[in-house]
Amino acid sequence: MVLTKKYLEKYQKNTRKTIPDTVKKELLLKLGKPFIDNEGHVNEHSEQDIFEQVRKAFQWYSEEGKTR
């Protein structure tokens, strides 16, 4: 699975949280395409990996916003 804009929109709708465009772009660059492992195989991220990365990115952004 790869991260898509549609997935991010659905995540925001379901969690009622807003993800800034800069964070969205960073996540899409990192998780929006398959990756090559150490053995040269092309793989995709699992749905759980994507969910956790999006959750962590939002949590990090929220904590950064509280300290400013």
Protein backbone atom coordinates (compact mmCIF):
# COMPACT_ATOMS: atom_id res chain seq x y z
CA MET A 1 0.00 0.00 0.00
CA VAL A 2 1.16 3.52 -0.67
CA LEU A 3 -0.06 6.70 0.98
CA THR A 4 -2.45 8.81 -1.10
CA LYS A 5 -4.07 12.21 -0.73
CA LYS A 6 -7.42 10.42 -0.47
CA TYR A 7 -6.14 8.40 2.53
CA LEU A 8 -4.97 11.61 4.25
CA GLU A 9 -8.33 13.30 3.62
CA LYS A 10 -10.16 10.28 5.04
CA TYR A 11 -7.83 10.25 8.08
CA GLN A 12 -8.53 13.94 8.74
CA LYS A 13 -12.27 13.43 8.39
CA ASN A 14 -12.34 10.40 10.68
CA THR A 15 -10.12 11.90 13.38
CA ARG A 16 -11.47 15.45 13.02
CA LYS A 17 -7.90 16.71 12.97
CA THR A 18 -6.18 18.91 10.42
CA ILE A 19 -2.79 18.06 9.00
CA PRO A 20 -0.83 21.04 7.63
CA ASP A 21 0.09 20.99 3.94
CA THR A 22 3.81 20.83 4.71
CA VAL A 23 3.35 17.68 6.78
CA LYS A 24 1.10 16.17 4.09
CA LYS A 25 3.75 16.79 1.44
CA GLU A 26 6.46 15.26 3.61
CA LEU A 27 4.36 12.15 4.29
CA LEU A 28 3.44 11.75 0.62
CA LEU A 29 7.10 12.00 -0.40
CA LYS A 30 8.13 9.44 2.20
CA LEU A 31 5.22 6.97 1.99
CA GLY A 32 3.59 7.74 -1.36
CA LYS A 33 5.69 5.36 -3.42
CA PRO A 34 7.09 1.83 -3.17
CA PHE A 35 10.58 1.44 -1.73
CA ILE A 36 13.54 -0.82 -2.48
CA ASP A 37 14.84 -2.96 0.38
CA ASN A 38 18.46 -3.96 1.05
CA GLU A 39 18.17 -6.95 -1.26
CA GLY A 40 16.89 -4.90 -4.20
CA HIS A 41 13.25 -5.99 -3.94
CA VAL A 42 10.49 -3.45 -4.50
CA ASN A 43 8.10 -3.34 -1.53
CA GLU A 44 5.18 -1.28 -0.35
CA HIS A 45 4.37 -0.15 3.16
CA SER A 46 1.71 -2.02 5.12
CA GLU A 47 -1.52 -0.26 6.00
CA GLN A 48 -0.49 -0.38 9.66
CA ASP A 49 2.89 1.25 8.86
CA ILE A 50 1.17 4.07 7.02
CA PHE A 51 -1.41 4.60 9.76
CA GLU A 52 1.29 4.73 12.44
CA GLN A 53 3.50 7.13 10.47
CA VAL A 54 0.56 9.48 9.85
CA ARG A 55 -0.47 9.28 13.50
CA LYS A 56 3.08 9.98 14.70
CA ALA A 57 3.51 12.89 12.29
CA PHE A 58 0.28 14.45 13.51
CA GLN A 59 1.23 13.87 17.14
CA TRP A 60 4.64 15.46 16.57
CA TYR A 61 3.06 18.44 14.81
CA SER A 62 0.52 18.87 17.64
CA GLU A 63 3.24 18.79 20.30
CA GLU A 64 5.38 21.28 18.37
CA GLY A 65 2.40 23.61 18.09
CA LYS A 66 1.78 23.50 21.84
CA THR A 67 5.35 24.49 22.69
CA ARG A 68 5.41 27.56 20.43
